[in-house]
Amino acid sequence: MDRDELRAKRAKAGRARWAGTTVEQRREAATKASRAAQARAALARRLLAEYEAANGNSAA
């Protein structure tokens, strides 16, 4: 299976996942995913800050 076939298969699966859902349900799912991503980013920043503080340097 080449890259284009795989991409098409994934796109079809993505569309099928949302079949029969309302706009509100899709919006809620997007909001939940966005909040989860923000929480992961905040955790990464906090862990990096703790690492830098413990090692007395900057990882950047």
Protein backbone atom coordinates (compact mmCIF):
# COMPACT_ATOMS: atom_id res chain seq x y z
CA MET A 1 0.00 0.00 0.00
CA ASP A 2 1.55 3.28 -1.06
CA ARG A 3 1.42 6.57 0.78
CA ASP A 4 -1.58 7.97 -1.14
CA GLU A 5 -3.64 4.83 -0.55
CA LEU A 6 -2.83 4.91 3.14
CA ARG A 7 -3.74 8.60 3.35
CA ALA A 8 -7.07 7.96 1.60
CA LYS A 9 -7.84 5.03 3.91
CA ARG A 10 -7.14 7.13 7.00
CA ALA A 11 -9.23 10.01 5.66
CA LYS A 12 -12.15 7.67 5.01
CA ALA A 13 -11.87 6.26 8.54
CA GLY A 14 -11.79 9.79 9.93
CA ARG A 15 -14.94 10.75 8.08
CA ALA A 16 -16.70 7.55 9.16
CA ARG A 17 -15.86 8.27 12.80
CA TRP A 18 -17.90 11.48 12.67
CA ALA A 19 -20.82 10.11 10.63
CA GLY A 20 -24.09 10.71 12.44
CA THR A 21 -22.70 13.23 14.91
CA THR A 22 -24.00 16.73 15.36
CA VAL A 23 -22.00 19.90 14.96
CA GLU A 24 -22.24 20.38 18.72
CA GLN A 25 -20.76 16.92 19.37
CA ARG A 26 -17.87 17.61 17.01
CA ARG A 27 -17.31 20.99 18.64
CA GLU A 28 -17.25 19.43 22.11
CA ALA A 29 -14.75 16.80 20.96
CA ALA A 30 -12.51 19.47 19.44
CA THR A 31 -12.69 21.56 22.61
CA LYS A 32 -11.82 18.56 24.75
CA ALA A 33 -8.86 17.70 22.51
CA SER A 34 -7.66 21.30 22.61
CA ARG A 35 -7.83 21.42 26.39
CA ALA A 36 -5.93 18.13 26.63
CA ALA A 37 -3.21 19.48 24.34
CA GLN A 38 -2.95 22.64 26.43
CA ALA A 39 -2.65 20.54 29.59
CA ARG A 40 0.13 18.42 28.03
CA ALA A 41 1.99 21.56 26.97
CA ALA A 42 1.68 23.04 30.46
CA LEU A 43 2.96 19.80 31.98
CA ALA A 44 5.93 19.76 29.61
CA ARG A 45 6.78 23.36 30.52
CA ARG A 46 6.56 22.56 34.22
CA LEU A 47 8.69 19.44 33.92
CA LEU A 48 11.31 21.32 31.91
CA ALA A 49 11.40 24.09 34.52
CA GLU A 50 11.80 21.52 37.31
CA TYR A 51 14.59 19.78 35.38
CA GLU A 52 16.40 23.04 34.78
CA ALA A 53 16.04 24.03 38.43
CA ALA A 54 17.35 20.67 39.62
CA ASN A 55 20.33 20.75 37.28
CA GLY A 56 21.11 24.45 37.56
CA ASN A 57 21.09 25.01 33.81
CA SER A 58 18.91 25.80 30.88
CA ALA A 59 17.92 23.04 28.47
CA ALA A 60 16.99 25.58 25.81
